[in-house]
C-alpha cells in the first residue's frame, strides 16, 4: 500500500474545514451536537493538565511485580472531581 495521504487527509485544509463546518452545523440543527457545560470543560481541562504534567515514570524493571497504574489513575481522577 502506498505511504501517501488518503481520503480526508489528502484534501487541502480549507476543504477539510468546510466539510467539518457542515457536519457541525448539521449536528446542531439535528440537536445531537454536544455542548460542554462550564463544569464539564473545567473537569476535562483539569484531568488533561494533571496527566500531562505528572512526573515521568522510570523504565520498568522486568523483575519487579507489575503495578496497576490504571487503578492509580482512577483513584487520582476520582480525587480531582
PDB file of N, CA and C in Angstrom:
ATOM      1  N   UNK A   1       0.843  -1.177   0.000  1.00  0.00           N
ATOM      2  CA  UNK A   1       0.000   0.000   0.000  1.00  0.00           C
ATOM      3  C   UNK A   1       0.891   1.245   0.000  1.00  0.00           C
ATOM      4  N   UNK A   2       0.619   2.242  -0.808  1.00  0.00           N
ATOM      5  CA  UNK A   2       1.451   3.439  -0.861  1.00  0.00           C
ATOM      6  C   UNK A   2       1.398   4.209   0.464  1.00  0.00           C
ATOM      7  N   UNK A   3       2.453   4.933   0.743  1.00  0.00           N
ATOM      8  CA  UNK A   3       2.564   5.642   2.019  1.00  0.00           C
ATOM      9  C   UNK A   3       2.005   7.056   1.961  1.00  0.00           C
ATOM     10  N   UNK A   4       1.331   7.461   0.882  1.00  0.00           N
ATOM     11  CA  UNK A   4       0.811   8.814   0.761  1.00  0.00           C
ATOM     12  C   UNK A   4      -0.458   9.034   1.567  1.00  0.00           C
ATOM     13  N   UNK A   5      -0.889  10.288   1.635  1.00  0.00           N
ATOM     14  CA  UNK A   5      -2.121  10.615   2.338  1.00  0.00           C
ATOM     15  C   UNK A   5      -3.313  10.133   1.528  1.00  0.00           C
ATOM     16  N   UNK A   6      -4.353   9.693   2.242  1.00  0.00           N
ATOM     17  CA  UNK A   6      -5.548   9.197   1.568  1.00  0.00           C
ATOM     18  C   UNK A   6      -6.784   9.832   2.170  1.00  0.00           C
ATOM     19  N   UNK A   7      -7.858   9.826   1.419  1.00  0.00           N
ATOM     20  CA  UNK A   7      -9.154  10.279   1.922  1.00  0.00           C
ATOM     21  C   UNK A   7      -9.137  11.711   2.407  1.00  0.00           C
ATOM     22  N   UNK A   8      -9.697  11.903   3.613  1.00  0.00           N
ATOM     23  CA  UNK A   8      -9.840  13.239   4.191  1.00  0.00           C
ATOM     24  C   UNK A   8      -8.483  13.928   4.344  1.00  0.00           C
ATOM     25  N   UNK A   9      -7.452  13.163   4.683  1.00  0.00           N
ATOM     26  CA  UNK A   9      -6.120  13.739   4.894  1.00  0.00           C
ATOM     27  C   UNK A   9      -5.506  14.266   3.600  1.00  0.00           C
ATOM     28  N   UNK A  10      -5.958  13.763   2.449  1.00  0.00           N
ATOM     29  CA  UNK A  10      -5.374  14.202   1.192  1.00  0.00           C
ATOM     30  C   UNK A  10      -5.964  15.534   0.710  1.00  0.00           C
ATOM     31  N   UNK A  11      -7.064  15.976   1.307  1.00  0.00           N
ATOM     32  CA  UNK A  11      -7.696  17.244   0.910  1.00  0.00           C
ATOM     33  C   UNK A  11      -6.923  18.426   1.472  1.00  0.00           C
ATOM     34  N   UNK A  12      -7.064  19.568   0.816  1.00  0.00           N
ATOM     35  CA  UNK A  12      -6.417  20.762   1.360  1.00  0.00           C
ATOM     36  C   UNK A  12      -7.166  21.214   2.622  1.00  0.00           C
ATOM     37  N   UNK A  13      -6.490  21.992   3.450  1.00  0.00           N
ATOM     38  CA  UNK A  13      -7.022  22.408   4.758  1.00  0.00           C
ATOM     39  C   UNK A  13      -8.385  23.081   4.654  1.00  0.00           C
ATOM     40  N   UNK A  14      -8.555  23.943   3.681  1.00  0.00           N
ATOM     41  CA  UNK A  14      -9.817  24.682   3.559  1.00  0.00           C
ATOM     42  C   UNK A  14     -10.988  23.758   3.236  1.00  0.00           C
ATOM     43  N   UNK A  15     -10.751  22.752   2.389  1.00  0.00           N
ATOM     44  CA  UNK A  15     -11.821  21.811   2.058  1.00  0.00           C
ATOM     45  C   UNK A  15     -12.178  20.971   3.296  1.00  0.00           C
ATOM     46  N   UNK A  16     -11.172  20.554   4.066  1.00  0.00           N
ATOM     47  CA  UNK A  16     -11.428  19.821   5.302  1.00  0.00           C
ATOM     48  C   UNK A  16     -12.272  20.660   6.265  1.00  0.00           C
ATOM     49  N   UNK A  17     -11.885  21.909   6.418  1.00  0.00           N
ATOM     50  CA  UNK A  17     -12.618  22.800   7.320  1.00  0.00           C
ATOM     51  C   UNK A  17     -14.053  23.009   6.874  1.00  0.00           C
ATOM     52  N   UNK A  18     -14.266  23.142   5.560  1.00  0.00           N
ATOM     53  CA  UNK A  18     -15.623  23.340   5.037  1.00  0.00           C
ATOM     54  C   UNK A  18     -16.500  22.116   5.321  1.00  0.00           C
ATOM     55  N   UNK A  19     -15.953  20.936   5.119  1.00  0.00           N
ATOM     56  CA  UNK A  19     -16.715  19.711   5.375  1.00  0.00           C
ATOM     57  C   UNK A  19     -17.009  19.577   6.871  1.00  0.00           C
ATOM     58  N   UNK A  20     -16.015  19.840   7.718  1.00  0.00           N
ATOM     59  CA  UNK A  20     -16.212  19.758   9.164  1.00  0.00           C
ATOM     60  C   UNK A  20     -17.251  20.776   9.631  1.00  0.00           C
ATOM     61  N   UNK A  21     -17.216  21.967   9.069  1.00  0.00           N
ATOM     62  CA  UNK A  21     -18.171  23.011   9.422  1.00  0.00           C
ATOM     63  C   UNK A  21     -19.591  22.581   9.081  1.00  0.00           C
ATOM     64  N   UNK A  22     -19.774  21.959   7.898  1.00  0.00           N
ATOM     65  CA  UNK A  22     -21.108  21.481   7.508  1.00  0.00           C
ATOM     66  C   UNK A  22     -21.593  20.403   8.480  1.00  0.00           C
ATOM     67  N   UNK A  23     -20.684  19.519   8.891  1.00  0.00           N
ATOM     68  CA  UNK A  23     -21.067  18.477   9.845  1.00  0.00           C
ATOM     69  C   UNK A  23     -21.471  19.051  11.187  1.00  0.00           C
ATOM     70  N   UNK A  24     -20.740  20.053  11.644  1.00  0.00           N
ATOM     71  CA  UNK A  24     -21.076  20.698  12.913  1.00  0.00           C
ATOM     72  C   UNK A  24     -22.421  21.391  12.865  1.00  0.00           C
ATOM     73  N   UNK A  25     -22.678  22.087  11.775  1.00  0.00           N
ATOM     74  CA  UNK A  25     -23.971  22.771  11.625  1.00  0.00           C
ATOM     75  C   UNK A  25     -25.112  21.770  11.581  1.00  0.00           C
ATOM     76  N   UNK A  26     -24.922  20.673  10.859  1.00  0.00           N
ATOM     77  CA  UNK A  26     -25.970  19.654  10.747  1.00  0.00           C
ATOM     78  C   UNK A  26     -26.255  19.031  12.117  1.00  0.00           C
ATOM     79  N   UNK A  27     -25.207  18.770  12.898  1.00  0.00           N
ATOM     80  CA  UNK A  27     -25.397  18.179  14.220  1.00  0.00           C
ATOM     81  C   UNK A  27     -26.165  19.125  15.135  1.00  0.00           C
ATOM     82  N   UNK A  28     -25.876  20.429  15.065  1.00  0.00           N
ATOM     83  CA  UNK A  28     -26.601  21.392  15.890  1.00  0.00           C
ATOM     84  C   UNK A  28     -28.054  21.495  15.458  1.00  0.00           C
ATOM     85  N   UNK A  29     -28.310  21.507  14.154  1.00  0.00           N
ATOM     86  CA  UNK A  29     -29.687  21.581  13.667  1.00  0.00           C
ATOM     87  C   UNK A  29     -30.475  20.339  14.072  1.00  0.00           C
ATOM     88  N   UNK A  30     -29.821  19.192  14.051  1.00  0.00           N
ATOM     89  CA  UNK A  30     -30.469  17.936  14.410  1.00  0.00           C
ATOM     90  C   UNK A  30     -30.655  17.817  15.926  1.00  0.00           C
ATOM     91  N   UNK A  31     -29.859  18.564  16.686  1.00  0.00           N
ATOM     92  CA  UNK A  31     -29.954  18.518  18.137  1.00  0.00           C
ATOM     93  C   UNK A  31     -29.084  17.455  18.778  1.00  0.00           C
ATOM     94  N   UNK A  32     -28.136  16.892  18.030  1.00  0.00           N
ATOM     95  CA  UNK A  32     -27.283  15.838  18.573  1.00  0.00           C
ATOM     96  C   UNK A  32     -25.877  16.326  18.898  1.00  0.00           C
ATOM     97  N   UNK A  33     -25.595  17.592  18.696  1.00  0.00           N
ATOM     98  CA  UNK A  33     -24.252  18.124  18.975  1.00  0.00           C
ATOM     99  C   UNK A  33     -24.058  18.253  20.479  1.00  0.00           C
ATOM    100  N   UNK A  34     -22.862  17.919  20.940  1.00  0.00           N
ATOM    101  CA  UNK A  34     -22.555  18.046  22.367  1.00  0.00           C
ATOM    102  C   UNK A  34     -22.073  19.454  22.646  1.00  0.00           C
ATOM    103  N   UNK A  35     -22.656  20.075  23.650  1.00  0.00           N
ATOM    104  CA  UNK A  35     -22.192  21.389  24.078  1.00  0.00           C
ATOM    105  C   UNK A  35     -21.721  21.258  25.517  1.00  0.00           C
ATOM    106  N   UNK A  36     -20.470  21.635  25.756  1.00  0.00           N
ATOM    107  CA  UNK A  36     -19.873  21.497  27.071  1.00  0.00           C
ATOM    108  C   UNK A  36     -20.460  22.503  28.039  1.00  0.00           C
ATOM    109  N   UNK A  37     -20.782  22.044  29.249  1.00  0.00           N
ATOM    110  CA  UNK A  37     -21.129  22.977  30.308  1.00  0.00           C
ATOM    111  C   UNK A  37     -19.834  23.511  30.887  1.00  0.00           C
ATOM    112  N   UNK A  38     -19.928  24.553  31.658  1.00  0.00           N
ATOM    113  CA  UNK A  38     -18.736  25.128  32.269  1.00  0.00           C
ATOM    114  C   UNK A  38     -18.031  24.110  33.169  1.00  0.00           C
ATOM    115  N   UNK A  39     -18.820  23.332  33.932  1.00  0.00           N
ATOM    116  CA  UNK A  39     -18.233  22.345  34.838  1.00  0.00           C
ATOM    117  C   UNK A  39     -17.580  21.194  34.077  1.00  0.00           C
ATOM    118  N   UNK A  40     -18.207  20.734  32.984  1.00  0.00           N
ATOM    119  CA  UNK A  40     -17.608  19.660  32.176  1.00  0.00           C
ATOM    120  C   UNK A  40     -16.262  20.099  31.601  1.00  0.00           C
ATOM    121  N   UNK A  41     -16.215  21.309  31.078  1.00  0.00           N
ATOM    122  CA  UNK A  41     -14.982  21.824  30.483  1.00  0.00           C
ATOM    123  C   UNK A  41     -13.894  21.961  31.549  1.00  0.00           C
ATOM    124  N   UNK A  42     -14.262  22.424  32.721  1.00  0.00           N
ATOM    125  CA  UNK A  42     -13.289  22.587  33.798  1.00  0.00           C
ATOM    126  C   UNK A  42     -12.718  21.237  34.217  1.00  0.00           C
ATOM    127  N   UNK A  43     -13.592  20.224  34.372  1.00  0.00           N
ATOM    128  CA  UNK A  43     -13.139  18.893  34.782  1.00  0.00           C
ATOM    129  C   UNK A  43     -12.231  18.271  33.717  1.00  0.00           C
ATOM    130  N   UNK A  44     -12.589  18.426  32.454  1.00  0.00           N
ATOM    131  CA  UNK A  44     -11.777  17.859  31.372  1.00  0.00           C
ATOM    132  C   UNK A  44     -10.409  18.533  31.317  1.00  0.00           C
ATOM    133  N   UNK A  45     -10.366  19.824  31.463  1.00  0.00           N
ATOM    134  CA  UNK A  45      -9.096  20.544  31.457  1.00  0.00           C
ATOM    135  C   UNK A  45      -8.215  20.165  32.625  1.00  0.00           C
ATOM    136  N   UNK A  46      -8.816  19.955  33.783  1.00  0.00           N
ATOM    137  CA  UNK A  46      -8.047  19.575  34.967  1.00  0.00           C
ATOM    138  C   UNK A  46      -7.450  18.186  34.779  1.00  0.00           C
ATOM    139  N   UNK A  47      -8.248  17.247  34.280  1.00  0.00           N
ATOM    140  CA  UNK A  47      -7.744  15.887  34.067  1.00  0.00           C
ATOM    141  C   UNK A  47      -6.591  15.887  33.057  1.00  0.00           C
ATOM    142  N   UNK A  48      -6.755  16.613  31.974  1.00  0.00           N
ATOM    143  CA  UNK A  48      -5.696  16.664  30.969  1.00  0.00           C
ATOM    144  C   UNK A  48      -4.429  17.301  31.508  1.00  0.00           C
ATOM    145  N   UNK A  49      -4.573  18.348  32.279  1.00  0.00           N
ATOM    146  CA  UNK A  49      -3.412  19.021  32.852  1.00  0.00           C
ATOM    147  C   UNK A  49      -2.669  18.147  33.836  1.00  0.00           C
ATOM    148  N   UNK A  50      -3.418  17.415  34.667  1.00  0.00           N
ATOM    149  CA  UNK A  50      -2.781  16.536  35.646  1.00  0.00           C
ATOM    150  C   UNK A  50      -2.016  15.427  34.938  1.00  0.00           C
ATOM    151  N   UNK A  51      -2.630  14.824  33.933  1.00  0.00           N
ATOM    152  CA  UNK A  51      -1.984  13.717  33.242  1.00  0.00           C
ATOM    153  C   UNK A  51      -0.765  14.168  32.445  1.00  0.00           C
ATOM    154  N   UNK A  52      -0.830  15.337  31.836  1.00  0.00           N
ATOM    155  CA  UNK A  52       0.293  15.770  31.007  1.00  0.00           C
ATOM    156  C   UNK A  52       1.437  16.365  31.822  1.00  0.00           C
ATOM    157  N   UNK A  53       1.195  16.741  33.071  1.00  0.00           N
ATOM    158  CA  UNK A  53       2.242  17.358  33.879  1.00  0.00           C
ATOM    159  C   UNK A  53       2.713  16.472  35.029  1.00  0.00           C
ATOM    160  N   UNK A  54       2.359  15.217  35.014  1.00  0.00           N
ATOM    161  CA  UNK A  54       2.833  14.317  36.064  1.00  0.00           C
ATOM    162  C   UNK A  54       4.287  13.939  35.773  1.00  0.00           C
ATOM    163  N   UNK A  55       5.029  13.576  36.811  1.00  0.00           N
ATOM    164  CA  UNK A  55       6.425  13.176  36.585  1.00  0.00           C
ATOM    165  C   UNK A  55       6.498  11.909  35.738  1.00  0.00           C
ATOM    166  N   UNK A  56       7.497  11.839  34.907  1.00  0.00           N
ATOM    167  CA  UNK A  56       7.675  10.651  34.067  1.00  0.00           C
ATOM    168  C   UNK A  56       8.114   9.480  34.927  1.00  0.00           C
ATOM    169  N   UNK A  57       7.596   8.314  34.589  1.00  0.00           N
ATOM    170  CA  UNK A  57       7.951   7.089  35.301  1.00  0.00           C
ATOM    171  C   UNK A  57       9.276   6.565  34.757  1.00  0.00           C
ATOM    172  N   UNK A  58      10.158   6.086  35.628  1.00  0.00           N
ATOM    173  CA  UNK A  58      11.393   5.477  35.129  1.00  0.00           C
ATOM    174  C   UNK A  58      11.064   4.175  34.390  1.00  0.00           C
ATOM    175  N   UNK A  59      12.007   3.715  33.593  1.00  0.00           N
ATOM    176  CA  UNK A  59      11.813   2.460  32.872  1.00  0.00           C
ATOM    177  C   UNK A  59      11.465   1.355  33.853  1.00  0.00           C
ATOM    178  N   UNK A  60      10.536   0.490  33.458  1.00  0.00           N
ATOM    179  CA  UNK A  60      10.102  -0.590  34.335  1.00  0.00           C
ATOM    180  C   UNK A  60      11.187  -1.641  34.473  1.00  0.00           C
ATOM    181  N   UNK A  61      11.342  -2.110  35.687  1.00  0.00           N
ATOM    182  CA  UNK A  61      12.261  -3.208  35.967  1.00  0.00           C
ATOM    183  C   UNK A  61      11.492  -4.503  35.734  1.00  0.00           C
ATOM    184  N   UNK A  62      11.974  -5.330  34.843  1.00  0.00           N
ATOM    185  CA  UNK A  62      11.277  -6.568  34.497  1.00  0.00           C
ATOM    186  C   UNK A  62      11.152  -7.519  35.686  1.00  0.00           C
ATOM    187  N   UNK A  63      12.050  -7.408  36.682  1.00  0.00           N
ATOM    188  CA  UNK A  63      11.988  -8.301  37.836  1.00  0.00           C
ATOM    189  C   UNK A  63      10.991  -7.809  38.886  1.00  0.00           C
ATOM    190  N   UNK A  64      10.545  -6.553  38.772  1.00  0.00           N
ATOM    191  CA  UNK A  64       9.606  -6.001  39.747  1.00  0.00           C
ATOM    192  C   UNK A  64       8.196  -6.511  39.459  1.00  0.00           C
ATOM    193  N   UNK A  65       7.372  -6.642  40.501  1.00  0.00           N
ATOM    194  CA  UNK A  65       5.991  -7.074  40.269  1.00  0.00           C
ATOM    195  C   UNK A  65       5.235  -5.998  39.496  1.00  0.00           C
ATOM    196  N   UNK A  66       4.261  -6.362  38.645  1.00  0.00           N
ATOM    197  CA  UNK A  66       3.534  -5.370  37.850  1.00  0.00           C
ATOM    198  C   UNK A  66       2.685  -4.473  38.748  1.00  0.00           C
ATOM    199  N   UNK A  67       2.604  -3.199  38.396  1.00  0.00           N
ATOM    200  CA  UNK A  67       1.757  -2.275  39.147  1.00  0.00           C
ATOM    201  C   UNK A  67       0.465  -2.071  38.380  1.00  0.00           C
ATOM    202  N   UNK A  68      -0.543  -1.649  39.087  1.00  0.00           N
ATOM    203  CA  UNK A  68      -1.836  -1.415  38.455  1.00  0.00           C
ATOM    204  C   UNK A  68      -1.996   0.090  38.258  1.00  0.00           C
ATOM    205  N   UNK A  69      -1.318   0.634  37.239  1.00  0.00           N
ATOM    206  CA  UNK A  69      -1.324   2.077  37.029  1.00  0.00           C
ATOM    207  C   UNK A  69      -2.702   2.593  36.643  1.00  0.00           C
ATOM    208  N   UNK A  70      -3.547   1.770  36.004  1.00  0.00           N
ATOM    209  CA  UNK A  70      -4.893   2.211  35.645  1.00  0.00           C
ATOM    210  C   UNK A  70      -5.709   2.446  36.912  1.00  0.00           C
ATOM    211  N   UNK A  71      -5.557   1.566  37.891  1.00  0.00           N
ATOM    212  CA  UNK A  71      -6.267   1.749  39.161  1.00  0.00           C
ATOM    213  C   UNK A  71      -5.786   3.026  39.842  1.00  0.00           C
ATOM    214  N   UNK A  72      -4.491   3.292  39.789  1.00  0.00           N
ATOM    215  CA  UNK A  72      -3.957   4.524  40.360  1.00  0.00           C
ATOM    216  C   UNK A  72      -4.541   5.738  39.639  1.00  0.00           C
ATOM    217  N   UNK A  73      -4.658   5.661  38.315  1.00  0.00           N
ATOM    218  CA  UNK A  73      -5.238   6.750  37.536  1.00  0.00           C
ATOM    219  C   UNK A  73      -6.683   6.996  37.961  1.00  0.00           C
ATOM    220  N   UNK A  74      -7.462   5.920  38.125  1.00  0.00           N
ATOM    221  CA  UNK A  74      -8.861   6.066  38.528  1.00  0.00           C
ATOM    222  C   UNK A  74      -8.970   6.719  39.899  1.00  0.00           C
ATOM    223  N   UNK A  75      -8.132   6.293  40.823  1.00  0.00           N
ATOM    224  CA  UNK A  75      -8.155   6.901  42.153  1.00  0.00           C
ATOM    225  C   UNK A  75      -7.816   8.380  42.073  1.00  0.00           C
ATOM    226  N   UNK A  76      -6.811   8.724  41.284  1.00  0.00           N
ATOM    227  CA  UNK A  76      -6.399  10.116  41.133  1.00  0.00           C
ATOM    228  C   UNK A  76      -7.515  10.934  40.489  1.00  0.00           C
ATOM    229  N   UNK A  77      -8.137  10.404  39.443  1.00  0.00           N
ATOM    230  CA  UNK A  77      -9.184  11.174  38.757  1.00  0.00           C
ATOM    231  C   UNK A  77     -10.413  11.348  39.647  1.00  0.00           C
ATOM    232  N   UNK A  78     -10.741  10.348  40.485  1.00  0.00           N
ATOM    233  CA  UNK A  78     -11.858  10.485  41.428  1.00  0.00           C
ATOM    234  C   UNK A  78     -11.561  11.571  42.451  1.00  0.00           C
ATOM    235  N   UNK A  79     -10.317  11.627  42.891  1.00  0.00           N
ATOM    236  CA  UNK A  79      -9.915  12.602  43.891  1.00  0.00           C
ATOM    237  C   UNK A  79     -10.039  14.018  43.343  1.00  0.00           C
ATOM    238  N   UNK A  80      -9.790  14.219  42.050  1.00  0.00           N
ATOM    239  CA  UNK A  80      -9.782  15.546  41.442  1.00  0.00           C
ATOM    240  C   UNK A  80     -11.180  16.089  41.186  1.00  0.00           C
ATOM    241  N   UNK A  81     -12.166  15.207  41.107  1.00  0.00           N
ATOM    242  CA  UNK A  81     -13.534  15.672  40.835  1.00  0.00           C
ATOM    243  C   UNK A  81     -14.101  16.271  42.048  1.00  0.00           C
TER     244      UNK A  81
END
